[in-house]
N, C-alpha and C. Protein backbone atom coordinates (compact mmCIF):
# COMPACT_ATOMS: atom_id res chain seq x y z
N MET A 1 -10.86 -10.12 33.85
CA MET A 1 -10.90 -9.30 35.07
C MET A 1 -11.11 -10.20 36.29
N ASN A 2 -10.35 -9.99 37.33
CA ASN A 2 -10.62 -10.81 38.52
C ASN A 2 -11.69 -10.14 39.39
N TRP A 3 -12.18 -10.89 40.38
CA TRP A 3 -13.33 -10.41 41.16
C TRP A 3 -12.96 -9.21 42.02
N ASP A 4 -11.75 -9.18 42.58
CA ASP A 4 -11.36 -8.00 43.37
C ASP A 4 -11.41 -6.75 42.51
N GLU A 5 -10.95 -6.87 41.26
CA GLU A 5 -11.00 -5.71 40.35
C GLU A 5 -12.44 -5.31 40.06
N ARG A 6 -13.26 -6.30 39.76
CA ARG A 6 -14.66 -5.99 39.43
C ARG A 6 -15.35 -5.32 40.62
N TYR A 7 -15.12 -5.86 41.81
CA TYR A 7 -15.80 -5.31 42.98
C TYR A 7 -15.17 -4.00 43.47
N SER A 8 -14.00 -3.65 42.94
CA SER A 8 -13.37 -2.37 43.29
C SER A 8 -14.02 -1.20 42.56
N GLU A 9 -14.79 -1.51 41.52
CA GLU A 9 -15.45 -0.44 40.77
C GLU A 9 -16.52 0.19 41.67
N PRO A 10 -16.83 1.49 41.42
CA PRO A 10 -17.84 2.15 42.25
C PRO A 10 -19.19 1.44 42.16
N GLY A 11 -19.94 1.53 43.23
CA GLY A 11 -21.28 0.93 43.24
C GLY A 11 -21.21 -0.58 43.41
N PHE A 12 -22.33 -1.22 43.10
CA PHE A 12 -22.45 -2.67 43.28
C PHE A 12 -22.66 -3.32 41.92
N SER A 13 -21.77 -4.26 41.57
CA SER A 13 -21.82 -4.88 40.24
C SER A 13 -23.17 -5.51 39.93
N TYR A 14 -23.80 -6.12 40.94
CA TYR A 14 -25.07 -6.82 40.73
C TYR A 14 -26.20 -6.18 41.53
N GLY A 15 -26.01 -4.89 41.88
CA GLY A 15 -27.04 -4.18 42.62
C GLY A 15 -27.07 -4.58 44.09
N ILE A 16 -28.02 -4.00 44.81
CA ILE A 16 -28.14 -4.33 46.24
C ILE A 16 -29.46 -5.03 46.54
N ALA A 17 -30.30 -5.20 45.53
CA ALA A 17 -31.55 -5.93 45.74
C ALA A 17 -31.25 -7.43 45.70
N PRO A 18 -31.94 -8.22 46.52
CA PRO A 18 -31.69 -9.66 46.51
C PRO A 18 -32.15 -10.29 45.20
N ASN A 19 -31.63 -11.47 44.92
CA ASN A 19 -32.02 -12.23 43.74
C ASN A 19 -33.51 -12.57 43.80
N GLU A 20 -34.21 -12.38 42.68
CA GLU A 20 -35.68 -12.57 42.65
C GLU A 20 -36.09 -14.01 42.96
N PHE A 21 -35.34 -14.97 42.43
CA PHE A 21 -35.70 -16.38 42.68
C PHE A 21 -35.55 -16.69 44.17
N LEU A 22 -34.47 -16.22 44.77
CA LEU A 22 -34.26 -16.44 46.21
C LEU A 22 -35.44 -15.87 47.00
N VAL A 23 -35.85 -14.65 46.67
CA VAL A 23 -36.98 -14.02 47.36
C VAL A 23 -38.24 -14.87 47.21
N SER A 24 -38.43 -15.46 46.01
CA SER A 24 -39.66 -16.22 45.74
C SER A 24 -39.73 -17.54 46.52
N VAL A 25 -38.59 -18.05 46.96
CA VAL A 25 -38.60 -19.36 47.66
C VAL A 25 -38.11 -19.28 49.10
N VAL A 26 -37.84 -18.07 49.58
CA VAL A 26 -37.20 -17.96 50.90
C VAL A 26 -38.04 -18.57 52.01
N ASP A 27 -39.36 -18.58 51.82
CA ASP A 27 -40.21 -19.16 52.88
C ASP A 27 -40.08 -20.68 52.98
N ARG A 28 -39.34 -21.29 52.04
CA ARG A 28 -39.10 -22.74 52.12
C ARG A 28 -37.82 -23.07 52.89
N ILE A 29 -37.06 -22.03 53.24
CA ILE A 29 -35.81 -22.26 53.99
C ILE A 29 -36.13 -22.20 55.48
N PRO A 30 -35.84 -23.28 56.23
CA PRO A 30 -36.13 -23.26 57.67
C PRO A 30 -35.36 -22.14 58.37
N ASN A 31 -35.93 -21.64 59.47
CA ASN A 31 -35.23 -20.63 60.26
C ASN A 31 -33.92 -21.21 60.77
N GLY A 32 -32.90 -20.37 60.83
CA GLY A 32 -31.61 -20.85 61.36
C GLY A 32 -30.45 -20.35 60.54
N ARG A 33 -29.49 -21.25 60.33
CA ARG A 33 -28.21 -20.88 59.74
C ARG A 33 -28.19 -21.09 58.23
N ILE A 34 -27.74 -20.06 57.52
CA ILE A 34 -27.65 -20.16 56.05
C ILE A 34 -26.21 -19.90 55.62
N LEU A 35 -25.75 -20.72 54.69
CA LEU A 35 -24.44 -20.54 54.06
C LEU A 35 -24.69 -20.05 52.64
N SER A 36 -24.10 -18.89 52.30
CA SER A 36 -24.24 -18.36 50.95
C SER A 36 -22.90 -18.47 50.23
N LEU A 37 -22.88 -19.28 49.17
CA LEU A 37 -21.65 -19.53 48.42
C LEU A 37 -21.46 -18.46 47.35
N ALA A 38 -20.24 -17.95 47.21
CA ALA A 38 -19.95 -16.88 46.25
C ALA A 38 -20.86 -15.68 46.50
N GLU A 39 -20.87 -15.22 47.73
CA GLU A 39 -21.79 -14.16 48.15
C GLU A 39 -21.46 -12.81 47.52
N GLY A 40 -20.21 -12.58 47.16
CA GLY A 40 -19.88 -11.32 46.50
C GLY A 40 -20.06 -10.11 47.39
N GLU A 41 -20.87 -9.16 46.92
CA GLU A 41 -21.00 -7.88 47.62
C GLU A 41 -22.12 -7.84 48.65
N GLY A 42 -22.76 -8.97 48.90
CA GLY A 42 -23.62 -9.06 50.08
C GLY A 42 -25.12 -8.90 49.90
N ARG A 43 -25.58 -8.70 48.65
CA ARG A 43 -27.01 -8.39 48.50
C ARG A 43 -27.93 -9.50 49.03
N ASN A 44 -27.56 -10.75 48.81
CA ASN A 44 -28.42 -11.85 49.26
C ASN A 44 -28.26 -12.13 50.75
N ALA A 45 -27.03 -12.06 51.24
CA ALA A 45 -26.78 -12.30 52.67
C ALA A 45 -27.49 -11.25 53.53
N VAL A 46 -27.40 -9.99 53.10
CA VAL A 46 -28.03 -8.91 53.88
C VAL A 46 -29.55 -9.07 53.88
N TYR A 47 -30.10 -9.43 52.74
CA TYR A 47 -31.55 -9.69 52.67
C TYR A 47 -31.95 -10.81 53.62
N LEU A 48 -31.23 -11.92 53.58
CA LEU A 48 -31.56 -13.06 54.44
C LEU A 48 -31.42 -12.69 55.92
N ALA A 49 -30.37 -11.93 56.24
CA ALA A 49 -30.16 -11.51 57.63
C ALA A 49 -31.31 -10.61 58.10
N SER A 50 -31.86 -9.81 57.17
CA SER A 50 -32.96 -8.91 57.54
C SER A 50 -34.22 -9.70 57.89
N LEU A 51 -34.29 -10.96 57.47
CA LEU A 51 -35.43 -11.82 57.78
C LEU A 51 -35.18 -12.65 59.04
N GLY A 52 -34.01 -12.46 59.65
CA GLY A 52 -33.73 -13.14 60.91
C GLY A 52 -32.85 -14.38 60.81
N TYR A 53 -32.39 -14.69 59.59
CA TYR A 53 -31.48 -15.83 59.45
C TYR A 53 -30.08 -15.45 59.95
N GLN A 54 -29.33 -16.45 60.41
CA GLN A 54 -27.91 -16.26 60.73
C GLN A 54 -27.14 -16.65 59.48
N VAL A 55 -26.56 -15.65 58.82
CA VAL A 55 -26.00 -15.87 57.49
C VAL A 55 -24.48 -15.79 57.49
N THR A 56 -23.87 -16.78 56.84
CA THR A 56 -22.44 -16.76 56.59
C THR A 56 -22.24 -16.70 55.08
N GLY A 57 -21.56 -15.66 54.62
CA GLY A 57 -21.28 -15.51 53.20
C GLY A 57 -19.82 -15.83 52.93
N VAL A 58 -19.59 -16.71 51.96
CA VAL A 58 -18.23 -17.11 51.60
C VAL A 58 -17.93 -16.58 50.21
N ASP A 59 -16.74 -16.03 50.02
CA ASP A 59 -16.38 -15.55 48.70
C ASP A 59 -14.87 -15.50 48.58
N GLY A 60 -14.39 -15.58 47.35
CA GLY A 60 -12.95 -15.50 47.09
C GLY A 60 -12.44 -14.08 46.99
N SER A 61 -13.35 -13.09 47.04
CA SER A 61 -12.93 -11.69 46.91
C SER A 61 -13.07 -10.96 48.24
N GLU A 62 -11.93 -10.53 48.78
CA GLU A 62 -11.97 -9.73 50.01
C GLU A 62 -12.65 -8.40 49.77
N VAL A 63 -12.46 -7.84 48.58
CA VAL A 63 -13.06 -6.55 48.24
C VAL A 63 -14.59 -6.66 48.28
N GLY A 64 -15.11 -7.72 47.66
CA GLY A 64 -16.55 -7.95 47.67
C GLY A 64 -17.08 -8.11 49.08
N LEU A 65 -16.38 -8.87 49.91
CA LEU A 65 -16.85 -9.13 51.27
C LEU A 65 -16.78 -7.87 52.14
N ARG A 66 -15.81 -7.00 51.88
CA ARG A 66 -15.78 -5.72 52.61
C ARG A 66 -17.02 -4.90 52.28
N LYS A 67 -17.42 -4.91 51.01
CA LYS A 67 -18.65 -4.22 50.62
C LYS A 67 -19.86 -4.87 51.29
N ALA A 68 -19.85 -6.19 51.37
CA ALA A 68 -20.96 -6.91 52.01
C ALA A 68 -21.09 -6.50 53.47
N ALA A 69 -19.97 -6.43 54.17
CA ALA A 69 -19.98 -6.06 55.59
C ALA A 69 -20.49 -4.63 55.77
N LYS A 70 -20.08 -3.74 54.84
CA LYS A 70 -20.52 -2.35 54.91
C LYS A 70 -22.02 -2.24 54.64
N LEU A 71 -22.51 -2.99 53.65
CA LEU A 71 -23.94 -3.00 53.34
C LEU A 71 -24.75 -3.50 54.54
N ALA A 72 -24.25 -4.54 55.20
CA ALA A 72 -24.94 -5.09 56.38
C ALA A 72 -25.01 -4.02 57.48
N LEU A 73 -23.91 -3.31 57.68
CA LEU A 73 -23.85 -2.26 58.70
C LEU A 73 -24.87 -1.17 58.38
N GLU A 74 -24.91 -0.76 57.12
CA GLU A 74 -25.86 0.28 56.70
C GLU A 74 -27.30 -0.16 56.89
N ARG A 75 -27.56 -1.45 56.72
CA ARG A 75 -28.93 -1.97 56.84
C ARG A 75 -29.26 -2.40 58.28
N GLY A 76 -28.27 -2.31 59.16
CA GLY A 76 -28.52 -2.66 60.56
C GLY A 76 -28.67 -4.14 60.82
N VAL A 77 -28.01 -4.96 60.02
CA VAL A 77 -28.05 -6.42 60.24
C VAL A 77 -26.63 -6.95 60.40
N THR A 78 -26.54 -8.16 60.91
CA THR A 78 -25.24 -8.79 61.12
C THR A 78 -25.09 -9.99 60.19
N ILE A 79 -23.97 -10.04 59.48
CA ILE A 79 -23.64 -11.23 58.70
C ILE A 79 -22.21 -11.63 59.04
N THR A 80 -21.91 -12.89 58.83
CA THR A 80 -20.54 -13.37 58.97
C THR A 80 -19.97 -13.53 57.57
N THR A 81 -18.74 -13.07 57.36
CA THR A 81 -18.12 -13.27 56.05
C THR A 81 -16.85 -14.10 56.21
N ILE A 82 -16.63 -14.96 55.24
CA ILE A 82 -15.42 -15.81 55.22
C ILE A 82 -14.77 -15.64 53.86
N HIS A 83 -13.52 -15.19 53.88
CA HIS A 83 -12.76 -15.08 52.63
C HIS A 83 -12.09 -16.43 52.40
N ALA A 84 -12.52 -17.12 51.35
CA ALA A 84 -11.99 -18.46 51.11
C ALA A 84 -12.13 -18.82 49.64
N ASP A 85 -11.24 -19.68 49.21
CA ASP A 85 -11.31 -20.24 47.87
C ASP A 85 -12.30 -21.41 47.93
N LEU A 86 -13.34 -21.36 47.10
CA LEU A 86 -14.37 -22.40 47.17
C LEU A 86 -13.85 -23.77 46.74
N SER A 87 -12.67 -23.81 46.10
CA SER A 87 -12.12 -25.11 45.73
C SER A 87 -11.57 -25.86 46.94
N THR A 88 -11.30 -25.13 48.03
CA THR A 88 -10.75 -25.77 49.23
C THR A 88 -11.63 -25.54 50.47
N PHE A 89 -12.70 -24.76 50.32
CA PHE A 89 -13.57 -24.45 51.46
C PHE A 89 -14.30 -25.72 51.91
N GLU A 90 -14.27 -25.97 53.21
CA GLU A 90 -14.93 -27.18 53.73
C GLU A 90 -16.30 -26.84 54.31
N ILE A 91 -17.30 -27.53 53.83
CA ILE A 91 -18.65 -27.38 54.37
C ILE A 91 -18.87 -28.51 55.36
N GLU A 92 -19.06 -28.13 56.62
CA GLU A 92 -19.26 -29.17 57.65
C GLU A 92 -20.59 -29.88 57.42
N PRO A 93 -20.61 -31.19 57.69
CA PRO A 93 -21.85 -31.95 57.46
C PRO A 93 -22.97 -31.59 58.44
N GLU A 94 -24.17 -31.51 57.90
CA GLU A 94 -25.40 -31.37 58.69
C GLU A 94 -25.39 -30.23 59.69
N VAL A 95 -24.89 -29.06 59.28
CA VAL A 95 -24.94 -27.91 60.19
C VAL A 95 -25.78 -26.75 59.64
N TRP A 96 -26.18 -26.81 58.38
CA TRP A 96 -26.85 -25.67 57.76
C TRP A 96 -28.33 -25.94 57.52
N ASP A 97 -29.16 -24.94 57.82
CA ASP A 97 -30.60 -25.02 57.53
C ASP A 97 -30.87 -24.66 56.07
N GLY A 98 -29.98 -23.87 55.51
CA GLY A 98 -30.10 -23.50 54.10
C GLY A 98 -28.73 -23.24 53.50
N ILE A 99 -28.56 -23.61 52.24
CA ILE A 99 -27.35 -23.26 51.49
C ILE A 99 -27.82 -22.64 50.18
N VAL A 100 -27.24 -21.48 49.89
CA VAL A 100 -27.68 -20.68 48.74
C VAL A 100 -26.50 -20.52 47.78
N ALA A 101 -26.75 -20.77 46.50
CA ALA A 101 -25.72 -20.59 45.46
C ALA A 101 -26.36 -19.80 44.32
N ILE A 102 -26.19 -18.48 44.38
CA ILE A 102 -26.79 -17.60 43.37
C ILE A 102 -25.68 -17.15 42.42
N TYR A 103 -25.75 -17.60 41.18
CA TYR A 103 -24.72 -17.28 40.18
C TYR A 103 -23.32 -17.60 40.70
N CYS A 104 -23.20 -18.79 41.27
CA CYS A 104 -21.91 -19.29 41.77
C CYS A 104 -21.33 -20.17 40.66
N HIS A 105 -20.67 -19.53 39.70
CA HIS A 105 -20.17 -20.24 38.53
C HIS A 105 -18.71 -20.63 38.75
N LEU A 106 -18.46 -21.92 38.72
CA LEU A 106 -17.11 -22.45 38.94
C LEU A 106 -16.84 -23.53 37.91
N PRO A 107 -15.57 -23.80 37.63
CA PRO A 107 -15.27 -24.95 36.76
C PRO A 107 -15.88 -26.22 37.35
N SER A 108 -16.32 -27.13 36.50
CA SER A 108 -17.01 -28.34 36.99
C SER A 108 -16.16 -29.14 37.96
N ALA A 109 -14.85 -29.11 37.79
CA ALA A 109 -13.96 -29.86 38.70
C ALA A 109 -14.06 -29.34 40.14
N ILE A 110 -14.44 -28.07 40.30
CA ILE A 110 -14.64 -27.49 41.63
C ILE A 110 -16.11 -27.56 42.02
N ARG A 111 -16.99 -27.29 41.05
CA ARG A 111 -18.42 -27.21 41.35
C ARG A 111 -19.00 -28.54 41.81
N ILE A 112 -18.63 -29.63 41.16
CA ILE A 112 -19.24 -30.93 41.47
C ILE A 112 -18.97 -31.33 42.93
N PRO A 113 -17.69 -31.34 43.38
CA PRO A 113 -17.48 -31.67 44.79
C PRO A 113 -18.10 -30.65 45.76
N LEU A 114 -18.16 -29.38 45.35
CA LEU A 114 -18.78 -28.36 46.21
C LEU A 114 -20.27 -28.63 46.37
N HIS A 115 -20.94 -28.95 45.28
CA HIS A 115 -22.38 -29.25 45.36
C HIS A 115 -22.62 -30.52 46.19
N GLN A 116 -21.76 -31.52 46.03
CA GLN A 116 -21.92 -32.75 46.83
C GLN A 116 -21.73 -32.44 48.32
N ALA A 117 -20.76 -31.57 48.62
CA ALA A 117 -20.51 -31.18 50.02
C ALA A 117 -21.69 -30.36 50.56
N ALA A 118 -22.31 -29.56 49.69
CA ALA A 118 -23.46 -28.77 50.12
C ALA A 118 -24.62 -29.68 50.54
N VAL A 119 -24.85 -30.73 49.78
CA VAL A 119 -25.92 -31.68 50.14
C VAL A 119 -25.62 -32.28 51.51
N ARG A 120 -24.38 -32.70 51.73
CA ARG A 120 -23.99 -33.26 53.04
C ARG A 120 -24.09 -32.21 54.15
N GLY A 121 -23.86 -30.94 53.78
CA GLY A 121 -23.82 -29.87 54.77
C GLY A 121 -25.18 -29.47 55.32
N LEU A 122 -26.25 -29.84 54.60
CA LEU A 122 -27.59 -29.48 55.05
C LEU A 122 -28.07 -30.40 56.16
N LYS A 123 -28.77 -29.82 57.11
CA LYS A 123 -29.49 -30.63 58.09
C LYS A 123 -30.69 -31.27 57.40
N PRO A 124 -31.22 -32.36 57.92
CA PRO A 124 -32.47 -32.90 57.38
C PRO A 124 -33.54 -31.80 57.40
N GLY A 125 -34.25 -31.65 56.29
CA GLY A 125 -35.23 -30.58 56.17
C GLY A 125 -34.65 -29.28 55.63
N GLY A 126 -33.33 -29.23 55.51
CA GLY A 126 -32.67 -28.02 55.01
C GLY A 126 -32.89 -27.84 53.52
N ALA A 127 -32.75 -26.60 53.07
CA ALA A 127 -33.05 -26.25 51.68
C ALA A 127 -31.80 -25.78 50.94
N PHE A 128 -31.69 -26.20 49.69
CA PHE A 128 -30.62 -25.73 48.80
C PHE A 128 -31.29 -24.90 47.71
N VAL A 129 -30.81 -23.67 47.53
CA VAL A 129 -31.40 -22.75 46.55
C VAL A 129 -30.31 -22.33 45.57
N LEU A 130 -30.57 -22.54 44.28
CA LEU A 130 -29.59 -22.19 43.26
C LEU A 130 -30.28 -21.50 42.09
N GLU A 131 -29.66 -20.40 41.64
CA GLU A 131 -29.98 -19.88 40.31
C GLU A 131 -28.66 -19.60 39.62
N ALA A 132 -28.58 -20.00 38.35
CA ALA A 132 -27.33 -19.83 37.60
C ALA A 132 -27.68 -19.76 36.12
N PHE A 133 -26.71 -19.34 35.33
CA PHE A 133 -26.91 -19.33 33.89
C PHE A 133 -26.80 -20.75 33.35
N SER A 134 -27.69 -21.06 32.40
CA SER A 134 -27.69 -22.40 31.80
C SER A 134 -26.65 -22.48 30.69
N LYS A 135 -26.47 -23.69 30.19
CA LYS A 135 -25.53 -23.90 29.09
C LYS A 135 -26.01 -23.22 27.79
N ASP A 136 -27.27 -22.78 27.77
CA ASP A 136 -27.79 -22.07 26.60
C ASP A 136 -27.57 -20.56 26.67
N GLN A 137 -26.87 -20.09 27.70
CA GLN A 137 -26.73 -18.66 27.93
C GLN A 137 -25.77 -17.96 26.97
N LEU A 138 -24.78 -18.67 26.45
CA LEU A 138 -23.71 -18.02 25.67
C LEU A 138 -24.20 -17.03 24.60
N PRO A 139 -25.17 -17.41 23.73
CA PRO A 139 -25.58 -16.46 22.69
C PRO A 139 -26.31 -15.22 23.22
N TYR A 140 -26.81 -15.27 24.46
CA TYR A 140 -27.58 -14.13 24.98
C TYR A 140 -26.68 -12.93 25.29
N ASP A 141 -25.47 -13.20 25.77
CA ASP A 141 -24.52 -12.14 26.07
C ASP A 141 -25.08 -11.12 27.07
N THR A 142 -25.78 -11.61 28.09
CA THR A 142 -26.34 -10.72 29.11
C THR A 142 -25.76 -11.02 30.49
N GLY A 143 -24.57 -11.60 30.50
CA GLY A 143 -23.92 -11.92 31.77
C GLY A 143 -23.47 -13.37 31.79
N GLY A 144 -22.65 -13.66 32.80
CA GLY A 144 -22.22 -15.03 33.00
C GLY A 144 -20.91 -15.36 32.32
N PRO A 145 -20.34 -16.49 32.69
CA PRO A 145 -19.05 -16.89 32.13
C PRO A 145 -19.16 -17.25 30.66
N LYS A 146 -18.04 -17.15 29.96
CA LYS A 146 -18.00 -17.51 28.54
C LYS A 146 -17.56 -18.96 28.34
N SER A 147 -17.41 -19.67 29.45
CA SER A 147 -16.97 -21.06 29.41
C SER A 147 -18.17 -21.99 29.60
N LEU A 148 -18.38 -22.88 28.64
CA LEU A 148 -19.48 -23.83 28.73
C LEU A 148 -19.36 -24.70 29.98
N ASP A 149 -18.13 -25.02 30.37
CA ASP A 149 -17.89 -25.86 31.54
C ASP A 149 -18.41 -25.20 32.83
N MET A 150 -18.44 -23.87 32.85
CA MET A 150 -18.89 -23.17 34.06
C MET A 150 -20.39 -22.87 34.06
N LEU A 151 -21.03 -23.10 32.91
CA LEU A 151 -22.48 -22.95 32.84
C LEU A 151 -23.13 -24.28 33.24
N MET A 152 -24.42 -24.26 33.56
CA MET A 152 -25.02 -25.44 34.19
C MET A 152 -26.21 -25.98 33.40
N SER A 153 -26.42 -27.28 33.54
CA SER A 153 -27.61 -27.91 32.98
C SER A 153 -28.36 -28.60 34.12
N LEU A 154 -29.67 -28.72 33.95
CA LEU A 154 -30.48 -29.36 34.99
C LEU A 154 -30.08 -30.81 35.20
N ASP A 155 -29.78 -31.52 34.10
CA ASP A 155 -29.40 -32.93 34.24
C ASP A 155 -28.16 -33.06 35.11
N ASP A 156 -27.15 -32.20 34.83
CA ASP A 156 -25.93 -32.25 35.64
C ASP A 156 -26.24 -31.91 37.10
N LEU A 157 -27.03 -30.87 37.30
CA LEU A 157 -27.33 -30.44 38.67
C LEU A 157 -28.05 -31.53 39.46
N LYS A 158 -28.96 -32.23 38.80
CA LYS A 158 -29.69 -33.29 39.51
C LYS A 158 -28.74 -34.40 39.97
N GLN A 159 -27.71 -34.65 39.17
CA GLN A 159 -26.70 -35.64 39.58
C GLN A 159 -25.82 -35.10 40.70
N GLU A 160 -25.36 -33.85 40.52
CA GLU A 160 -24.46 -33.24 41.50
C GLU A 160 -25.13 -33.07 42.86
N LEU A 161 -26.46 -32.87 42.84
CA LEU A 161 -27.21 -32.62 44.07
C LEU A 161 -28.02 -33.84 44.48
N ALA A 162 -27.56 -35.02 44.06
CA ALA A 162 -28.25 -36.26 44.42
C ALA A 162 -28.38 -36.35 45.93
N GLY A 163 -29.58 -36.77 46.38
CA GLY A 163 -29.83 -36.83 47.82
C GLY A 163 -30.84 -35.77 48.23
N LEU A 164 -31.11 -34.81 47.35
CA LEU A 164 -32.13 -33.80 47.63
C LEU A 164 -33.43 -34.19 46.93
N GLU A 165 -34.54 -33.74 47.50
CA GLU A 165 -35.83 -33.86 46.82
C GLU A 165 -36.09 -32.52 46.14
N PHE A 166 -36.28 -32.56 44.82
CA PHE A 166 -36.41 -31.31 44.07
C PHE A 166 -37.86 -30.82 44.07
N VAL A 167 -38.06 -29.71 44.71
CA VAL A 167 -39.38 -29.07 44.75
C VAL A 167 -39.57 -28.27 43.47
N HIS A 168 -38.48 -27.71 42.98
CA HIS A 168 -38.50 -26.85 41.80
C HIS A 168 -37.16 -27.06 41.09
N ALA A 169 -37.20 -27.41 39.84
CA ALA A 169 -35.96 -27.58 39.05
C ALA A 169 -36.33 -27.28 37.61
N VAL A 170 -36.01 -26.08 37.14
CA VAL A 170 -36.41 -25.68 35.80
C VAL A 170 -35.28 -24.95 35.08
N GLN A 171 -35.32 -25.03 33.76
CA GLN A 171 -34.53 -24.13 32.93
C GLN A 171 -35.53 -23.21 32.26
N MET A 172 -35.24 -21.93 32.23
CA MET A 172 -36.20 -20.98 31.67
C MET A 172 -35.48 -19.75 31.15
N GLU A 173 -36.19 -18.99 30.34
CA GLU A 173 -35.72 -17.67 29.95
C GLU A 173 -36.36 -16.67 30.90
N ARG A 174 -35.56 -15.73 31.39
CA ARG A 174 -36.17 -14.66 32.17
C ARG A 174 -35.34 -13.39 32.06
N GLU A 175 -36.00 -12.26 32.28
CA GLU A 175 -35.31 -10.98 32.33
C GLU A 175 -34.58 -10.92 33.66
N VAL A 176 -33.26 -10.86 33.62
CA VAL A 176 -32.49 -10.75 34.85
C VAL A 176 -31.99 -9.31 34.92
N LEU A 177 -32.45 -8.58 35.94
CA LEU A 177 -32.06 -7.19 36.10
C LEU A 177 -31.38 -7.03 37.45
N GLU A 178 -30.08 -7.27 37.47
CA GLU A 178 -29.31 -7.24 38.71
C GLU A 178 -28.06 -6.40 38.49
N GLY A 179 -28.20 -5.10 38.75
CA GLY A 179 -27.06 -4.21 38.58
C GLY A 179 -26.56 -4.21 37.15
N ARG A 180 -25.32 -3.76 36.96
CA ARG A 180 -24.79 -3.72 35.58
C ARG A 180 -24.22 -5.06 35.17
N GLY A 181 -24.05 -5.99 36.13
CA GLY A 181 -23.43 -7.28 35.82
C GLY A 181 -24.33 -8.27 35.11
N HIS A 182 -25.62 -8.25 35.47
CA HIS A 182 -26.60 -9.16 34.85
C HIS A 182 -27.76 -8.31 34.38
N THR A 183 -27.87 -8.06 33.09
CA THR A 183 -28.97 -7.24 32.62
C THR A 183 -29.49 -7.76 31.29
N GLY A 184 -30.77 -8.13 31.28
CA GLY A 184 -31.41 -8.52 30.03
C GLY A 184 -31.92 -9.95 30.05
N LEU A 185 -32.45 -10.36 28.92
CA LEU A 185 -33.02 -11.69 28.79
C LEU A 185 -31.90 -12.72 28.91
N ALA A 186 -32.12 -13.73 29.73
CA ALA A 186 -31.09 -14.73 29.99
C ALA A 186 -31.72 -16.12 30.07
N SER A 187 -30.89 -17.12 29.85
CA SER A 187 -31.31 -18.51 30.04
C SER A 187 -30.73 -18.99 31.36
N VAL A 188 -31.62 -19.31 32.30
CA VAL A 188 -31.17 -19.67 33.65
C VAL A 188 -31.70 -21.04 34.06
N VAL A 189 -31.01 -21.62 35.03
CA VAL A 189 -31.53 -22.80 35.73
C VAL A 189 -31.83 -22.38 37.16
N GLN A 190 -32.91 -22.92 37.68
CA GLN A 190 -33.30 -22.66 39.07
C GLN A 190 -33.57 -23.99 39.75
N VAL A 191 -33.06 -24.10 40.98
CA VAL A 191 -33.27 -25.32 41.76
C VAL A 191 -33.63 -24.96 43.19
N LEU A 192 -34.68 -25.61 43.68
CA LEU A 192 -34.96 -25.62 45.12
C LEU A 192 -35.02 -27.09 45.50
N GLY A 193 -34.09 -27.51 46.33
CA GLY A 193 -34.05 -28.90 46.77
C GLY A 193 -34.09 -28.97 48.29
N ILE A 194 -34.81 -29.96 48.81
CA ILE A 194 -34.92 -30.14 50.25
C ILE A 194 -34.25 -31.46 50.63
N LYS A 195 -33.46 -31.43 51.71
CA LYS A 195 -32.83 -32.67 52.15
C LYS A 195 -33.82 -33.46 53.02
N PRO A 196 -34.10 -34.68 52.65
CA PRO A 196 -35.09 -35.46 53.41
C PRO A 196 -34.64 -35.70 54.85
C-alpha cells in the first residue's frame, strides 16, 4: 500500500496525539524552527506548533499533508508543509533549531545521506530527535516496515549522525499506542542528539 492510499482511509493512521518520546524530550529543543521529516498526517508538527515552534513538515504524501494542514487549522496553529521525496529533499545547512524524525523509515541508501544532511542542517545547539523501529522489530508484528534494511540499529545511527552529542540513545521495548498503525509492544530505538 502506498502512503497516499493509507492516508486516504478515514481517520488518522497514527492518531492525532504526538509521539510520546518527542513529548518527553521537547524541552531540549531550542525555541525556533523545526523540520519534521516524514511528518505524515501532522500529529507531531501540530503539537510542536502549539508550543510556539515554527514547524515545517516534509512528506512524500500529499494526502497526508492535506490532513496535517486541516488538523493545524482545527487546532488554531500554523504549520508549513512541503510535499517532497526525501531522497531528493535538500536540508539547508545550519538553519534548523530542531530536526525531528519520528518513524521515518527509508531504505538505508536514502536514510544515511538524509541523516548526514540533518546533522549539517542543525544550528549549533540544535537538537535531533528520532524514534523508529529497531532491527529487532520484525517478530513483534506491531507496525513498521518488513524490510530489515529500513529498520534501524543504534550502532548505525551513531555513525549516520556523527557530529552530534548523544544525550539519549537507547534501544528498548515499549508499548507503542499510536492510532491503528502502531499498536502494541514494539522494539524501538530512540535518539536525542545535540549539535555542539
